[in-house]
Amino acid sequence: MELLFKTKPFDQLSTTELYNILNLRNEVFVLEQNCVYLDTDFKDQKAVHVLGYYNEELVAYCRLFKAGDYFENASLGRVIVAQKHRDKKWGNNLMVEAISQIQSHFNQKNITISAQLYLQKFYESHGFVTTSESYLEDDIPHIEMKRIVN
């Protein structure tokens, strides 16, 4: 069971792709995490979007930013695997793809993220280290993490 990845800048997303992205983000970040916040933050237009499909269904997603658009380093965020597919460990495939796409799209290797605290070990398994104390973002504990490649 492999994911099929598509990577597109905002202006190349179809309306159906964008709708499916926003729906998945709302399912996870608003409903599942019971967090009322405005997901449409006007950063999508600057992002490169990584979409992971299984049987033509969007089941994994994240967005990528070049250095300076979000953090000093390149960054990624809105990392999602649909709840019903988390047992397949596709988050790992998504991270490998996202890191690769940051390198190929932006020619950058150093990455900074704002990670939900409970996912610290997951991101550490992909080479990220914690670089801040815990802080609240939308009432959810987060930490800044960096992946630095020399």
N, C-alpha and C. Protein backbone atom coordinates (compact mmCIF):
# COMPACT_ATOMS: atom_id res chain seq x y z
N MET A 1 0.84 -1.18 0.00
CA MET A 1 0.00 0.00 0.00
C MET A 1 0.89 1.24 0.00
N GLU A 2 0.99 1.84 -1.13
CA GLU A 2 1.83 3.03 -1.28
C GLU A 2 0.97 4.25 -1.56
N LEU A 3 1.46 5.38 -1.12
CA LEU A 3 0.81 6.64 -1.45
C LEU A 3 1.35 7.16 -2.77
N LEU A 4 0.50 7.80 -3.51
CA LEU A 4 0.91 8.51 -4.72
C LEU A 4 0.95 9.98 -4.36
N PHE A 5 2.12 10.60 -4.51
CA PHE A 5 2.28 12.00 -4.14
C PHE A 5 2.20 12.90 -5.36
N LYS A 6 1.56 14.04 -5.17
CA LYS A 6 1.55 15.14 -6.14
C LYS A 6 2.01 16.37 -5.39
N THR A 7 2.84 17.18 -6.02
CA THR A 7 3.33 18.41 -5.41
C THR A 7 3.05 19.55 -6.36
N LYS A 8 2.35 20.58 -5.83
CA LYS A 8 1.92 21.69 -6.69
C LYS A 8 1.97 23.01 -5.95
N PRO A 9 2.35 24.08 -6.64
CA PRO A 9 2.16 25.41 -6.05
C PRO A 9 0.67 25.73 -6.03
N PHE A 10 0.30 26.71 -5.22
CA PHE A 10 -1.11 27.06 -5.02
C PHE A 10 -1.84 27.31 -6.34
N ASP A 11 -1.24 28.07 -7.24
CA ASP A 11 -1.95 28.46 -8.47
C ASP A 11 -2.12 27.30 -9.46
N GLN A 12 -1.55 26.14 -9.16
CA GLN A 12 -1.75 24.97 -10.01
C GLN A 12 -2.73 23.96 -9.41
N LEU A 13 -3.21 24.24 -8.21
CA LEU A 13 -4.21 23.36 -7.60
C LEU A 13 -5.55 23.54 -8.30
N SER A 14 -6.23 22.45 -8.58
CA SER A 14 -7.60 22.56 -9.10
C SER A 14 -8.52 22.95 -7.94
N THR A 15 -9.70 23.40 -8.26
CA THR A 15 -10.65 23.74 -7.20
C THR A 15 -11.01 22.50 -6.39
N THR A 16 -11.09 21.34 -7.04
CA THR A 16 -11.39 20.10 -6.33
C THR A 16 -10.25 19.75 -5.38
N GLU A 17 -9.01 19.87 -5.83
CA GLU A 17 -7.86 19.60 -4.96
C GLU A 17 -7.86 20.53 -3.76
N LEU A 18 -8.09 21.82 -4.00
CA LEU A 18 -8.11 22.78 -2.90
C LEU A 18 -9.23 22.47 -1.92
N TYR A 19 -10.40 22.13 -2.43
CA TYR A 19 -11.53 21.79 -1.56
C TYR A 19 -11.19 20.57 -0.70
N ASN A 20 -10.58 19.56 -1.31
CA ASN A 20 -10.21 18.35 -0.58
C ASN A 20 -9.15 18.64 0.48
N ILE A 21 -8.19 19.51 0.17
CA ILE A 21 -7.17 19.92 1.15
C ILE A 21 -7.84 20.59 2.35
N LEU A 22 -8.67 21.59 2.07
CA LEU A 22 -9.33 22.32 3.16
C LEU A 22 -10.24 21.42 3.98
N ASN A 23 -10.92 20.49 3.31
CA ASN A 23 -11.78 19.55 4.02
C ASN A 23 -10.96 18.67 4.96
N LEU A 24 -9.85 18.12 4.48
CA LEU A 24 -9.01 17.27 5.31
C LEU A 24 -8.42 18.06 6.48
N ARG A 25 -7.96 19.27 6.22
CA ARG A 25 -7.42 20.09 7.29
C ARG A 25 -8.48 20.40 8.34
N ASN A 26 -9.70 20.68 7.91
CA ASN A 26 -10.79 20.94 8.87
C ASN A 26 -11.16 19.69 9.66
N GLU A 27 -11.18 18.53 8.99
CA GLU A 27 -11.48 17.28 9.70
C GLU A 27 -10.50 17.05 10.85
N VAL A 28 -9.20 17.30 10.58
CA VAL A 28 -8.17 17.00 11.57
C VAL A 28 -8.00 18.15 12.57
N PHE A 29 -7.74 19.35 12.06
CA PHE A 29 -7.34 20.44 12.95
C PHE A 29 -8.51 21.11 13.67
N VAL A 30 -9.69 21.09 13.09
CA VAL A 30 -10.84 21.74 13.73
C VAL A 30 -11.70 20.71 14.47
N LEU A 31 -12.16 19.68 13.76
CA LEU A 31 -13.07 18.71 14.38
C LEU A 31 -12.36 17.75 15.32
N GLU A 32 -11.38 17.00 14.78
CA GLU A 32 -10.70 15.98 15.59
C GLU A 32 -9.99 16.59 16.79
N GLN A 33 -9.29 17.71 16.58
CA GLN A 33 -8.54 18.32 17.67
C GLN A 33 -9.39 19.33 18.46
N ASN A 34 -10.64 19.46 18.07
CA ASN A 34 -11.58 20.34 18.77
C ASN A 34 -10.97 21.72 19.00
N CYS A 35 -10.50 22.30 17.91
CA CYS A 35 -9.80 23.59 17.98
C CYS A 35 -10.46 24.57 17.02
N VAL A 36 -11.06 25.59 17.58
CA VAL A 36 -11.70 26.60 16.74
C VAL A 36 -10.64 27.62 16.34
N TYR A 37 -10.29 27.62 15.07
CA TYR A 37 -9.33 28.59 14.55
C TYR A 37 -9.58 28.75 13.07
N LEU A 38 -9.05 29.81 12.51
CA LEU A 38 -9.24 30.08 11.09
C LEU A 38 -8.10 29.44 10.30
N ASP A 39 -8.39 28.33 9.65
CA ASP A 39 -7.38 27.57 8.91
C ASP A 39 -6.91 28.32 7.66
N THR A 40 -7.80 29.06 7.04
CA THR A 40 -7.43 29.80 5.84
C THR A 40 -6.69 31.06 6.28
N ASP A 41 -5.37 30.95 6.32
CA ASP A 41 -4.52 31.99 6.90
C ASP A 41 -3.79 32.83 5.85
N PHE A 42 -4.14 32.69 4.60
CA PHE A 42 -3.53 33.41 3.48
C PHE A 42 -2.04 33.10 3.33
N LYS A 43 -1.60 31.96 3.86
CA LYS A 43 -0.24 31.49 3.63
C LYS A 43 -0.22 30.41 2.54
N ASP A 44 -1.38 29.85 2.25
CA ASP A 44 -1.45 28.81 1.22
C ASP A 44 -0.95 29.30 -0.13
N GLN A 45 -1.20 30.58 -0.41
CA GLN A 45 -0.81 31.12 -1.71
C GLN A 45 0.70 31.12 -1.92
N LYS A 46 1.48 31.19 -0.82
CA LYS A 46 2.94 31.16 -0.91
C LYS A 46 3.49 29.74 -0.89
N ALA A 47 2.68 28.79 -0.51
CA ALA A 47 3.15 27.43 -0.24
C ALA A 47 3.19 26.56 -1.49
N VAL A 48 4.02 25.54 -1.39
CA VAL A 48 3.98 24.40 -2.30
C VAL A 48 3.26 23.30 -1.52
N HIS A 49 2.30 22.67 -2.14
CA HIS A 49 1.42 21.73 -1.46
C HIS A 49 1.77 20.29 -1.85
N VAL A 50 1.92 19.45 -0.85
CA VAL A 50 2.22 18.03 -1.06
C VAL A 50 0.96 17.24 -0.73
N LEU A 51 0.43 16.56 -1.72
CA LEU A 51 -0.82 15.81 -1.57
C LEU A 51 -0.52 14.32 -1.71
N GLY A 52 -0.95 13.53 -0.75
CA GLY A 52 -0.75 12.09 -0.78
C GLY A 52 -2.07 11.37 -0.99
N TYR A 53 -2.13 10.58 -2.05
CA TYR A 53 -3.36 9.89 -2.42
C TYR A 53 -3.24 8.39 -2.24
N TYR A 54 -4.33 7.80 -1.79
CA TYR A 54 -4.47 6.35 -1.75
C TYR A 54 -5.82 6.03 -2.38
N ASN A 55 -5.80 5.22 -3.43
CA ASN A 55 -7.04 4.91 -4.17
C ASN A 55 -7.78 6.18 -4.55
N GLU A 56 -7.05 7.17 -5.04
CA GLU A 56 -7.60 8.44 -5.52
C GLU A 56 -8.24 9.30 -4.43
N GLU A 57 -8.03 8.96 -3.17
CA GLU A 57 -8.54 9.76 -2.05
C GLU A 57 -7.37 10.49 -1.40
N LEU A 58 -7.55 11.78 -1.13
CA LEU A 58 -6.54 12.54 -0.43
C LEU A 58 -6.50 12.07 1.03
N VAL A 59 -5.38 11.47 1.44
CA VAL A 59 -5.28 10.92 2.79
C VAL A 59 -4.09 11.50 3.57
N ALA A 60 -3.21 12.23 2.87
CA ALA A 60 -2.05 12.83 3.53
C ALA A 60 -1.76 14.16 2.85
N TYR A 61 -1.23 15.10 3.65
CA TYR A 61 -1.02 16.44 3.11
C TYR A 61 -0.05 17.21 3.99
N CYS A 62 0.68 18.11 3.37
CA CYS A 62 1.40 19.16 4.09
C CYS A 62 1.71 20.29 3.11
N ARG A 63 2.12 21.41 3.67
CA ARG A 63 2.51 22.53 2.81
C ARG A 63 3.93 22.95 3.15
N LEU A 64 4.63 23.43 2.13
CA LEU A 64 6.04 23.77 2.23
C LEU A 64 6.26 25.24 1.93
N PHE A 65 7.25 25.82 2.62
CA PHE A 65 7.58 27.23 2.41
C PHE A 65 9.09 27.38 2.21
N LYS A 66 9.46 28.27 1.31
CA LYS A 66 10.88 28.56 1.15
C LYS A 66 11.35 29.43 2.32
N ALA A 67 12.65 29.50 2.49
CA ALA A 67 13.23 30.29 3.57
C ALA A 67 12.71 31.72 3.48
N GLY A 68 12.33 32.27 4.63
CA GLY A 68 11.87 33.65 4.70
C GLY A 68 10.37 33.82 4.57
N ASP A 69 9.66 32.83 4.06
CA ASP A 69 8.21 32.96 3.91
C ASP A 69 7.46 32.66 5.21
N TYR A 70 8.06 31.89 6.08
CA TYR A 70 7.41 31.52 7.34
C TYR A 70 8.40 31.63 8.48
N PHE A 71 9.54 30.98 8.32
CA PHE A 71 10.66 31.05 9.25
C PHE A 71 11.89 31.48 8.47
N GLU A 72 12.99 31.70 9.19
CA GLU A 72 14.25 32.04 8.53
C GLU A 72 14.68 30.91 7.59
N ASN A 73 14.49 29.66 8.02
CA ASN A 73 14.78 28.50 7.17
C ASN A 73 13.54 28.14 6.37
N ALA A 74 13.69 27.22 5.43
CA ALA A 74 12.53 26.62 4.79
C ALA A 74 11.69 25.97 5.89
N SER A 75 10.43 25.76 5.61
CA SER A 75 9.57 25.16 6.63
C SER A 75 8.47 24.32 6.00
N LEU A 76 7.84 23.54 6.84
CA LEU A 76 6.68 22.77 6.42
C LEU A 76 5.67 22.81 7.55
N GLY A 77 4.43 22.61 7.19
CA GLY A 77 3.38 22.66 8.19
C GLY A 77 2.09 22.05 7.70
N ARG A 78 1.08 22.11 8.55
CA ARG A 78 -0.23 21.50 8.28
C ARG A 78 -0.04 20.03 7.88
N VAL A 79 0.84 19.35 8.60
CA VAL A 79 1.15 17.94 8.31
C VAL A 79 -0.02 17.08 8.79
N ILE A 80 -0.60 16.33 7.87
CA ILE A 80 -1.82 15.57 8.17
C ILE A 80 -1.80 14.20 7.51
N VAL A 81 -2.26 13.21 8.25
CA VAL A 81 -2.70 11.95 7.69
C VAL A 81 -4.11 11.74 8.22
N ALA A 82 -5.03 11.42 7.33
CA ALA A 82 -6.42 11.20 7.73
C ALA A 82 -6.48 10.16 8.84
N GLN A 83 -7.32 10.41 9.83
CA GLN A 83 -7.39 9.57 11.03
C GLN A 83 -7.56 8.09 10.69
N LYS A 84 -8.42 7.77 9.73
CA LYS A 84 -8.71 6.37 9.43
C LYS A 84 -7.54 5.64 8.77
N HIS A 85 -6.47 6.39 8.42
CA HIS A 85 -5.31 5.77 7.76
C HIS A 85 -4.03 5.86 8.60
N ARG A 86 -4.10 6.33 9.81
CA ARG A 86 -2.88 6.51 10.61
C ARG A 86 -2.21 5.21 10.99
N ASP A 87 -2.96 4.12 11.01
CA ASP A 87 -2.36 2.83 11.35
C ASP A 87 -1.35 2.37 10.29
N LYS A 88 -1.35 2.99 9.13
CA LYS A 88 -0.44 2.60 8.05
C LYS A 88 0.91 3.30 8.12
N LYS A 89 1.06 4.21 9.08
CA LYS A 89 2.33 4.94 9.30
C LYS A 89 2.72 5.80 8.09
N TRP A 90 1.74 6.29 7.37
CA TRP A 90 2.02 7.11 6.19
C TRP A 90 2.59 8.48 6.52
N GLY A 91 2.52 8.88 7.78
CA GLY A 91 3.16 10.13 8.17
C GLY A 91 4.64 10.10 7.86
N ASN A 92 5.26 8.94 8.01
CA ASN A 92 6.68 8.81 7.69
C ASN A 92 6.93 9.02 6.20
N ASN A 93 6.10 8.42 5.36
CA ASN A 93 6.23 8.61 3.91
C ASN A 93 6.05 10.08 3.54
N LEU A 94 5.07 10.72 4.19
CA LEU A 94 4.80 12.13 3.93
C LEU A 94 6.01 12.99 4.30
N MET A 95 6.63 12.73 5.44
CA MET A 95 7.79 13.52 5.86
C MET A 95 8.97 13.32 4.92
N VAL A 96 9.23 12.10 4.51
CA VAL A 96 10.32 11.84 3.57
C VAL A 96 10.07 12.60 2.27
N GLU A 97 8.84 12.56 1.79
CA GLU A 97 8.48 13.29 0.56
C GLU A 97 8.61 14.79 0.75
N ALA A 98 8.13 15.31 1.87
CA ALA A 98 8.17 16.75 2.13
C ALA A 98 9.61 17.25 2.19
N ILE A 99 10.46 16.55 2.90
CA ILE A 99 11.87 16.94 3.01
C ILE A 99 12.53 16.92 1.64
N SER A 100 12.24 15.89 0.86
CA SER A 100 12.78 15.79 -0.50
C SER A 100 12.29 16.94 -1.38
N GLN A 101 11.01 17.28 -1.27
CA GLN A 101 10.45 18.35 -2.09
C GLN A 101 11.00 19.72 -1.70
N ILE A 102 11.29 19.94 -0.42
CA ILE A 102 11.91 21.19 0.00
C ILE A 102 13.28 21.31 -0.67
N GLN A 103 14.01 20.22 -0.71
CA GLN A 103 15.33 20.23 -1.35
C GLN A 103 15.21 20.48 -2.85
N SER A 104 14.26 19.82 -3.50
CA SER A 104 14.17 19.96 -4.95
C SER A 104 13.51 21.27 -5.39
N HIS A 105 12.49 21.73 -4.67
CA HIS A 105 11.81 22.98 -5.06
C HIS A 105 12.58 24.23 -4.67
N PHE A 106 13.18 24.20 -3.49
CA PHE A 106 13.80 25.42 -2.95
C PHE A 106 15.32 25.33 -2.85
N ASN A 107 15.88 24.15 -3.15
CA ASN A 107 17.32 23.93 -3.03
C ASN A 107 17.79 24.28 -1.61
N GLN A 108 17.00 23.88 -0.63
CA GLN A 108 17.32 24.16 0.77
C GLN A 108 17.20 22.86 1.57
N LYS A 109 18.07 22.72 2.57
CA LYS A 109 18.07 21.51 3.38
C LYS A 109 17.69 21.78 4.83
N ASN A 110 17.95 22.98 5.32
CA ASN A 110 17.63 23.32 6.70
C ASN A 110 16.16 23.69 6.80
N ILE A 111 15.47 23.08 7.78
CA ILE A 111 14.02 23.23 7.90
C ILE A 111 13.67 23.57 9.35
N THR A 112 12.78 24.53 9.53
CA THR A 112 12.24 24.88 10.84
C THR A 112 10.74 24.61 10.83
N ILE A 113 10.24 24.05 11.92
CA ILE A 113 8.80 23.79 12.02
C ILE A 113 8.27 24.23 13.39
N SER A 114 6.99 24.48 13.43
CA SER A 114 6.25 24.66 14.67
C SER A 114 5.45 23.37 14.85
N ALA A 115 5.92 22.50 15.74
CA ALA A 115 5.36 21.15 15.87
C ALA A 115 4.46 21.04 17.09
N GLN A 116 3.38 20.31 16.94
CA GLN A 116 2.58 20.00 18.12
C GLN A 116 3.43 19.14 19.05
N LEU A 117 3.44 19.50 20.32
CA LEU A 117 4.33 18.88 21.29
C LEU A 117 4.21 17.35 21.32
N TYR A 118 3.00 16.82 21.19
CA TYR A 118 2.83 15.37 21.29
C TYR A 118 3.48 14.63 20.11
N LEU A 119 3.85 15.35 19.06
CA LEU A 119 4.50 14.73 17.90
C LEU A 119 6.03 14.90 17.91
N GLN A 120 6.58 15.34 19.03
CA GLN A 120 8.01 15.59 19.13
C GLN A 120 8.84 14.37 18.71
N LYS A 121 8.54 13.21 19.22
CA LYS A 121 9.33 12.01 18.88
C LYS A 121 9.20 11.64 17.41
N PHE A 122 8.02 11.84 16.84
CA PHE A 122 7.83 11.59 15.41
C PHE A 122 8.77 12.47 14.59
N TYR A 123 8.81 13.77 14.88
CA TYR A 123 9.68 14.66 14.13
C TYR A 123 11.16 14.39 14.41
N GLU A 124 11.48 14.01 15.65
CA GLU A 124 12.87 13.64 15.96
C GLU A 124 13.31 12.46 15.10
N SER A 125 12.41 11.54 14.82
CA SER A 125 12.75 10.38 13.98
C SER A 125 13.08 10.78 12.55
N HIS A 126 12.76 12.02 12.19
CA HIS A 126 13.08 12.54 10.85
C HIS A 126 14.18 13.59 10.90
N GLY A 127 14.93 13.61 11.99
CA GLY A 127 16.11 14.46 12.09
C GLY A 127 15.91 15.83 12.68
N PHE A 128 14.73 16.10 13.22
CA PHE A 128 14.46 17.40 13.83
C PHE A 128 14.88 17.39 15.29
N VAL A 129 15.35 18.54 15.79
CA VAL A 129 15.68 18.71 17.20
C VAL A 129 14.89 19.89 17.75
N THR A 130 14.53 19.80 19.01
CA THR A 130 13.76 20.85 19.67
C THR A 130 14.64 22.07 19.92
N THR A 131 14.12 23.24 19.57
CA THR A 131 14.90 24.48 19.71
C THR A 131 14.16 25.54 20.51
N SER A 132 13.08 25.16 21.19
CA SER A 132 12.36 26.14 22.01
C SER A 132 11.66 25.43 23.16
N GLU A 133 11.23 26.23 24.10
CA GLU A 133 10.34 25.74 25.15
C GLU A 133 8.96 25.56 24.53
N SER A 134 8.10 24.86 25.23
CA SER A 134 6.73 24.67 24.77
C SER A 134 5.98 26.01 24.81
N TYR A 135 5.13 26.23 23.82
CA TYR A 135 4.29 27.42 23.77
C TYR A 135 2.92 27.02 23.21
N LEU A 136 1.92 27.84 23.48
CA LEU A 136 0.58 27.56 22.99
C LEU A 136 0.36 28.23 21.64
N GLU A 137 -0.15 27.45 20.72
CA GLU A 137 -0.59 27.97 19.43
C GLU A 137 -2.00 27.43 19.22
N ASP A 138 -2.98 28.31 19.15
CA ASP A 138 -4.38 27.91 19.06
C ASP A 138 -4.76 26.96 20.20
N ASP A 139 -4.25 27.25 21.39
CA ASP A 139 -4.52 26.49 22.62
C ASP A 139 -3.97 25.06 22.60
N ILE A 140 -3.04 24.77 21.69
CA ILE A 140 -2.41 23.46 21.62
C ILE A 140 -0.91 23.65 21.88
N PRO A 141 -0.31 22.86 22.79
CA PRO A 141 1.13 22.99 23.05
C PRO A 141 1.96 22.67 21.80
N HIS A 142 2.87 23.56 21.48
CA HIS A 142 3.77 23.42 20.33
C HIS A 142 5.21 23.64 20.78
N ILE A 143 6.14 23.23 19.94
CA ILE A 143 7.56 23.53 20.10
C ILE A 143 8.14 23.85 18.74
N GLU A 144 9.15 24.70 18.74
CA GLU A 144 9.89 24.92 17.51
C GLU A 144 10.93 23.81 17.39
N MET A 145 11.07 23.28 16.18
CA MET A 145 12.05 22.23 15.91
C MET A 145 12.79 22.57 14.63
N LYS A 146 14.05 22.17 14.56
CA LYS A 146 14.85 22.42 13.36
C LYS A 146 15.53 21.14 12.91
N ARG A 147 15.65 21.05 11.61
CA ARG A 147 16.42 19.97 10.96
C ARG A 147 17.55 20.67 10.21
N ILE A 148 18.75 20.55 10.72
CA ILE A 148 19.90 21.23 10.14
C ILE A 148 20.81 20.19 9.49
N VAL A 149 21.10 20.41 8.22
CA VAL A 149 21.96 19.49 7.47
C VAL A 149 23.20 20.26 7.06
N ASN A 150 24.36 19.76 7.48
CA ASN A 150 25.63 20.44 7.13
C ASN A 150 26.20 19.93 5.83
